[in-house]
């Protein structure tokens, strides 16, 4: 998932055909090591394809899954970003500093396989 996210970020940043180096730079900027085989696979699978069309097709597939709502992915993405931010604000207000464990709600957990 992290490789796909880095690829999409690179496309959104203006690269029509992201390279392995582009993906490594993005992931390295947040301290994530890259597996060049996985990066190559993502690039090979997405080479020459329109990201907007792939996302649109994926959204329609998610809508067809039993129990899935028709809520746009952007709402889910927004919740995934705002929830950790709200938690961080609470911590800044004097939360218990001894409870600094990452229970999976941090932003970096979004990119874990």
N, C-alpha and C. Protein backbone atom coordinates (compact mmCIF):
# COMPACT_ATOMS: atom_id res chain seq x y z
N UNK A 1 0.83 -1.19 0.00
CA UNK A 1 0.00 0.00 0.00
C UNK A 1 0.87 1.25 0.00
N UNK A 2 1.97 1.23 0.74
CA UNK A 2 2.82 2.42 0.82
C UNK A 2 3.42 2.77 -0.53
N UNK A 3 3.72 1.76 -1.34
CA UNK A 3 4.32 2.01 -2.64
C UNK A 3 3.30 2.63 -3.59
N UNK A 4 2.08 2.15 -3.52
CA UNK A 4 1.01 2.71 -4.32
C UNK A 4 0.74 4.15 -3.91
N UNK A 5 0.69 4.40 -2.61
CA UNK A 5 0.46 5.76 -2.11
C UNK A 5 1.56 6.71 -2.57
N UNK A 6 2.80 6.26 -2.52
CA UNK A 6 3.92 7.10 -2.97
C UNK A 6 3.83 7.35 -4.47
N UNK A 7 3.42 6.34 -5.23
CA UNK A 7 3.25 6.51 -6.68
C UNK A 7 2.20 7.57 -6.97
N UNK A 8 1.05 7.47 -6.29
CA UNK A 8 -0.04 8.43 -6.50
C UNK A 8 0.41 9.82 -6.08
N UNK A 9 1.12 9.94 -4.97
CA UNK A 9 1.63 11.25 -4.54
C UNK A 9 2.56 11.85 -5.59
N UNK A 10 3.37 11.02 -6.19
CA UNK A 10 4.28 11.48 -7.22
C UNK A 10 3.51 11.98 -8.44
N UNK A 11 2.47 11.25 -8.82
CA UNK A 11 1.63 11.69 -9.95
C UNK A 11 0.95 13.00 -9.61
N UNK A 12 0.41 13.09 -8.41
CA UNK A 12 -0.25 14.34 -7.99
C UNK A 12 0.74 15.50 -7.92
N UNK A 13 2.01 15.18 -7.71
CA UNK A 13 3.06 16.20 -7.67
C UNK A 13 3.54 16.62 -9.06
N UNK A 14 2.99 16.01 -10.11
CA UNK A 14 3.30 16.45 -11.46
C UNK A 14 4.10 15.47 -12.31
N UNK A 15 4.46 14.32 -11.77
CA UNK A 15 5.20 13.32 -12.56
C UNK A 15 4.21 12.44 -13.31
N UNK A 16 4.29 12.44 -14.64
CA UNK A 16 3.39 11.58 -15.42
C UNK A 16 3.75 10.12 -15.27
N UNK A 17 5.04 9.82 -15.22
CA UNK A 17 5.52 8.45 -15.07
C UNK A 17 6.57 8.41 -13.96
N UNK A 18 6.12 8.23 -12.72
CA UNK A 18 7.06 8.20 -11.60
C UNK A 18 8.10 7.09 -11.76
N UNK A 19 9.30 7.38 -11.31
CA UNK A 19 10.39 6.41 -11.36
C UNK A 19 10.59 5.79 -9.98
N UNK A 20 11.42 4.77 -9.94
CA UNK A 20 11.74 4.13 -8.66
C UNK A 20 12.38 5.16 -7.72
N UNK A 21 13.20 6.02 -8.27
CA UNK A 21 13.85 7.05 -7.45
C UNK A 21 12.83 8.01 -6.85
N UNK A 22 11.79 8.37 -7.63
CA UNK A 22 10.74 9.25 -7.11
C UNK A 22 10.04 8.62 -5.91
N UNK A 23 9.71 7.35 -6.04
CA UNK A 23 9.02 6.64 -4.96
C UNK A 23 9.92 6.49 -3.75
N UNK A 24 11.20 6.16 -3.98
CA UNK A 24 12.14 6.04 -2.87
C UNK A 24 12.31 7.37 -2.14
N UNK A 25 12.33 8.47 -2.88
CA UNK A 25 12.47 9.79 -2.27
C UNK A 25 11.27 10.11 -1.38
N UNK A 26 10.08 9.83 -1.88
CA UNK A 26 8.86 10.11 -1.10
C UNK A 26 8.84 9.27 0.17
N UNK A 27 9.06 7.98 0.04
CA UNK A 27 9.03 7.10 1.22
C UNK A 27 10.18 7.39 2.17
N UNK A 28 11.34 7.69 1.62
CA UNK A 28 12.50 8.02 2.46
C UNK A 28 12.29 9.28 3.26
N UNK A 29 11.48 10.21 2.74
CA UNK A 29 11.25 11.47 3.44
C UNK A 29 10.48 11.27 4.74
N UNK A 30 9.80 10.13 4.87
CA UNK A 30 9.08 9.83 6.11
C UNK A 30 9.69 8.63 6.83
N UNK A 31 10.93 8.27 6.44
CA UNK A 31 11.68 7.24 7.14
C UNK A 31 11.29 5.81 6.82
N UNK A 32 10.72 5.59 5.64
CA UNK A 32 10.31 4.24 5.25
C UNK A 32 11.32 3.68 4.26
N UNK A 33 11.83 2.47 4.54
CA UNK A 33 12.74 1.80 3.62
C UNK A 33 11.95 1.23 2.44
N UNK A 34 12.63 1.13 1.30
CA UNK A 34 11.98 0.63 0.09
C UNK A 34 12.49 -0.74 -0.30
N UNK A 35 11.58 -1.55 -0.79
CA UNK A 35 11.91 -2.83 -1.41
C UNK A 35 11.83 -2.59 -2.91
N UNK A 36 12.97 -2.59 -3.58
CA UNK A 36 13.00 -2.22 -5.00
C UNK A 36 12.17 -3.16 -5.86
N UNK A 37 12.01 -4.42 -5.46
CA UNK A 37 11.16 -5.34 -6.22
C UNK A 37 9.70 -4.90 -6.19
N UNK A 38 9.25 -4.49 -5.04
CA UNK A 38 7.86 -4.01 -4.92
C UNK A 38 7.66 -2.70 -5.67
N UNK A 39 8.63 -1.81 -5.58
CA UNK A 39 8.54 -0.54 -6.30
C UNK A 39 8.45 -0.82 -7.80
N UNK A 40 9.30 -1.70 -8.29
CA UNK A 40 9.30 -2.06 -9.71
C UNK A 40 7.96 -2.64 -10.14
N UNK A 41 7.38 -3.49 -9.28
CA UNK A 41 6.10 -4.10 -9.60
C UNK A 41 5.00 -3.04 -9.72
N UNK A 42 4.97 -2.10 -8.77
CA UNK A 42 3.96 -1.04 -8.81
C UNK A 42 4.13 -0.20 -10.08
N UNK A 43 5.36 0.17 -10.39
CA UNK A 43 5.61 0.97 -11.59
C UNK A 43 5.18 0.21 -12.84
N UNK A 44 5.52 -1.07 -12.91
CA UNK A 44 5.17 -1.89 -14.07
C UNK A 44 3.65 -2.00 -14.23
N UNK A 45 2.94 -2.21 -13.13
CA UNK A 45 1.49 -2.37 -13.17
C UNK A 45 0.76 -1.07 -13.55
N UNK A 46 1.33 0.07 -13.18
CA UNK A 46 0.64 1.34 -13.40
C UNK A 46 1.17 2.13 -14.59
N UNK A 47 2.23 1.65 -15.20
CA UNK A 47 2.87 2.35 -16.32
C UNK A 47 1.85 2.63 -17.43
N UNK A 48 1.72 3.90 -17.79
CA UNK A 48 0.85 4.31 -18.90
C UNK A 48 -0.63 4.35 -18.56
N UNK A 49 -0.99 4.11 -17.32
CA UNK A 49 -2.40 4.13 -16.93
C UNK A 49 -2.75 5.45 -16.26
N UNK A 50 -4.00 5.86 -16.41
CA UNK A 50 -4.50 7.10 -15.83
C UNK A 50 -4.92 6.83 -14.38
N UNK A 51 -4.28 7.50 -13.43
CA UNK A 51 -4.55 7.28 -12.01
C UNK A 51 -6.00 7.60 -11.65
N UNK A 52 -6.55 8.67 -12.22
CA UNK A 52 -7.93 9.04 -11.91
C UNK A 52 -8.90 7.94 -12.33
N UNK A 53 -8.64 7.32 -13.48
CA UNK A 53 -9.50 6.22 -13.94
C UNK A 53 -9.37 5.01 -13.03
N UNK A 54 -8.16 4.71 -12.58
CA UNK A 54 -7.94 3.57 -11.69
C UNK A 54 -8.66 3.79 -10.37
N UNK A 55 -8.58 5.00 -9.82
CA UNK A 55 -9.25 5.32 -8.56
C UNK A 55 -10.76 5.22 -8.73
N UNK A 56 -11.27 5.76 -9.83
CA UNK A 56 -12.71 5.70 -10.10
C UNK A 56 -13.19 4.26 -10.21
N UNK A 57 -12.43 3.44 -10.93
CA UNK A 57 -12.79 2.03 -11.08
C UNK A 57 -12.75 1.33 -9.72
N UNK A 58 -11.76 1.66 -8.90
CA UNK A 58 -11.65 1.07 -7.57
C UNK A 58 -12.81 1.46 -6.67
N UNK A 59 -13.25 2.71 -6.78
CA UNK A 59 -14.39 3.15 -5.97
C UNK A 59 -15.65 2.39 -6.34
N UNK A 60 -15.85 2.14 -7.63
CA UNK A 60 -17.04 1.40 -8.04
C UNK A 60 -16.97 -0.05 -7.55
N UNK A 61 -15.77 -0.62 -7.51
CA UNK A 61 -15.62 -1.98 -6.98
C UNK A 61 -15.89 -2.02 -5.48
N UNK A 62 -15.44 -0.99 -4.75
CA UNK A 62 -15.72 -0.93 -3.31
C UNK A 62 -17.20 -0.81 -3.04
N UNK A 63 -17.91 -0.06 -3.88
CA UNK A 63 -19.35 0.11 -3.69
C UNK A 63 -20.10 -1.19 -3.88
N UNK A 64 -19.54 -2.11 -4.69
CA UNK A 64 -20.22 -3.37 -4.95
C UNK A 64 -19.95 -4.43 -3.89
N UNK A 65 -19.01 -4.17 -2.98
CA UNK A 65 -18.71 -5.13 -1.93
C UNK A 65 -19.84 -5.14 -0.91
N UNK A 66 -20.26 -6.32 -0.52
CA UNK A 66 -21.36 -6.45 0.43
C UNK A 66 -21.03 -5.72 1.73
N UNK A 67 -21.93 -4.89 2.17
CA UNK A 67 -21.75 -4.16 3.42
C UNK A 67 -21.01 -2.84 3.24
N UNK A 68 -20.48 -2.58 2.06
CA UNK A 68 -19.76 -1.32 1.83
C UNK A 68 -20.77 -0.21 1.59
N UNK A 69 -20.47 0.95 2.11
CA UNK A 69 -21.37 2.08 1.90
C UNK A 69 -21.00 2.78 0.61
N UNK A 70 -21.87 3.65 0.15
CA UNK A 70 -21.59 4.41 -1.06
C UNK A 70 -20.90 5.74 -0.73
N UNK A 71 -20.44 5.88 0.50
CA UNK A 71 -19.72 7.08 0.91
C UNK A 71 -18.43 7.20 0.12
N UNK A 72 -18.13 8.37 -0.43
CA UNK A 72 -16.90 8.53 -1.21
C UNK A 72 -15.65 8.24 -0.36
N UNK A 73 -14.63 7.79 -1.03
CA UNK A 73 -13.37 7.48 -0.36
C UNK A 73 -12.80 8.71 0.32
N UNK A 74 -13.06 9.90 -0.23
CA UNK A 74 -12.50 11.12 0.34
C UNK A 74 -12.96 11.32 1.78
N UNK A 75 -14.19 10.92 2.11
CA UNK A 75 -14.67 11.05 3.48
C UNK A 75 -13.87 10.14 4.41
N UNK A 76 -13.64 8.93 3.98
CA UNK A 76 -12.85 7.99 4.78
C UNK A 76 -11.43 8.52 4.96
N UNK A 77 -10.86 9.03 3.89
CA UNK A 77 -9.52 9.58 3.95
C UNK A 77 -9.47 10.76 4.91
N UNK A 78 -10.47 11.61 4.84
CA UNK A 78 -10.51 12.77 5.73
C UNK A 78 -10.59 12.32 7.18
N UNK A 79 -11.42 11.32 7.46
CA UNK A 79 -11.52 10.81 8.83
C UNK A 79 -10.21 10.20 9.29
N UNK A 80 -9.52 9.50 8.39
CA UNK A 80 -8.25 8.87 8.74
C UNK A 80 -7.19 9.89 9.10
N UNK A 81 -7.30 11.08 8.53
CA UNK A 81 -6.33 12.14 8.82
C UNK A 81 -6.75 12.94 10.04
N UNK A 82 -8.04 13.27 10.15
CA UNK A 82 -8.48 14.15 11.24
C UNK A 82 -8.50 13.45 12.59
N UNK A 83 -8.76 12.15 12.64
CA UNK A 83 -8.80 11.45 13.92
C UNK A 83 -7.44 11.49 14.63
N UNK A 84 -6.33 11.14 13.94
CA UNK A 84 -5.03 11.25 14.62
C UNK A 84 -4.69 12.69 14.99
N UNK A 85 -5.11 13.64 14.17
CA UNK A 85 -4.84 15.04 14.49
C UNK A 85 -5.58 15.47 15.75
N UNK A 86 -6.82 14.99 15.89
CA UNK A 86 -7.58 15.32 17.10
C UNK A 86 -6.93 14.70 18.33
N UNK A 87 -6.43 13.50 18.18
CA UNK A 87 -5.74 12.84 19.29
C UNK A 87 -4.49 13.63 19.67
N UNK A 88 -3.75 14.09 18.67
CA UNK A 88 -2.54 14.87 18.91
C UNK A 88 -2.87 16.16 19.65
N UNK A 89 -3.98 16.81 19.30
CA UNK A 89 -4.38 18.04 19.97
C UNK A 89 -4.70 17.77 21.43
N UNK A 90 -5.35 16.63 21.71
CA UNK A 90 -5.66 16.27 23.09
C UNK A 90 -4.37 16.08 23.89
N UNK A 91 -3.39 15.42 23.25
CA UNK A 91 -2.12 15.20 23.92
C UNK A 91 -1.42 16.51 24.23
N UNK A 92 -1.54 17.49 23.34
CA UNK A 92 -0.92 18.79 23.57
C UNK A 92 -1.56 19.53 24.74
N UNK A 93 -2.78 19.16 25.09
CA UNK A 93 -3.49 19.82 26.18
C UNK A 93 -3.14 19.24 27.54
N UNK A 94 -2.16 18.35 27.59
CA UNK A 94 -1.74 17.82 28.88
C UNK A 94 -2.14 16.39 29.12
N UNK A 95 -2.21 15.60 28.04
CA UNK A 95 -2.51 14.18 28.21
C UNK A 95 -1.41 13.51 28.98
N UNK A 96 -1.60 12.28 29.32
CA UNK A 96 -0.63 11.52 30.09
C UNK A 96 0.59 11.20 29.23
N UNK A 97 1.77 11.83 29.49
CA UNK A 97 2.94 11.62 28.65
C UNK A 97 3.51 10.21 28.75
N UNK A 98 3.12 9.45 29.78
CA UNK A 98 3.64 8.09 29.91
C UNK A 98 2.98 7.14 28.92
N UNK A 99 1.89 7.57 28.31
CA UNK A 99 1.17 6.72 27.35
C UNK A 99 1.52 7.17 25.93
N UNK A 100 2.76 6.96 25.52
CA UNK A 100 3.22 7.38 24.20
C UNK A 100 3.25 6.24 23.20
N UNK A 101 2.55 5.16 23.47
CA UNK A 101 2.58 4.02 22.55
C UNK A 101 1.80 4.35 21.29
N UNK A 102 2.21 3.74 20.17
CA UNK A 102 1.51 3.89 18.91
C UNK A 102 0.59 2.69 18.77
N UNK A 103 -0.71 2.92 18.96
CA UNK A 103 -1.66 1.81 18.91
C UNK A 103 -2.28 1.65 17.53
N UNK A 104 -1.58 2.12 16.50
CA UNK A 104 -2.07 1.93 15.15
C UNK A 104 -2.88 3.08 14.63
N UNK A 105 -3.08 4.12 15.41
CA UNK A 105 -3.88 5.24 14.94
C UNK A 105 -3.02 6.38 14.41
N UNK A 106 -1.72 6.23 14.35
CA UNK A 106 -0.84 7.25 13.83
C UNK A 106 -0.89 7.29 12.32
N UNK A 107 -0.48 8.40 11.74
CA UNK A 107 -0.53 8.55 10.29
C UNK A 107 0.34 7.54 9.56
N UNK A 108 1.50 7.18 10.11
CA UNK A 108 2.37 6.24 9.42
C UNK A 108 1.74 4.86 9.31
N UNK A 109 0.84 4.52 10.22
CA UNK A 109 0.19 3.21 10.14
C UNK A 109 -0.68 3.09 8.91
N UNK A 110 -1.06 4.20 8.29
CA UNK A 110 -1.85 4.15 7.06
C UNK A 110 -1.07 3.52 5.92
N UNK A 111 0.26 3.54 6.01
CA UNK A 111 1.08 3.06 4.91
C UNK A 111 1.70 1.70 5.20
N UNK A 112 1.34 1.07 6.28
CA UNK A 112 1.86 -0.26 6.59
C UNK A 112 1.14 -1.29 5.76
N UNK A 113 1.85 -2.36 5.42
CA UNK A 113 1.22 -3.44 4.64
C UNK A 113 0.29 -4.22 5.53
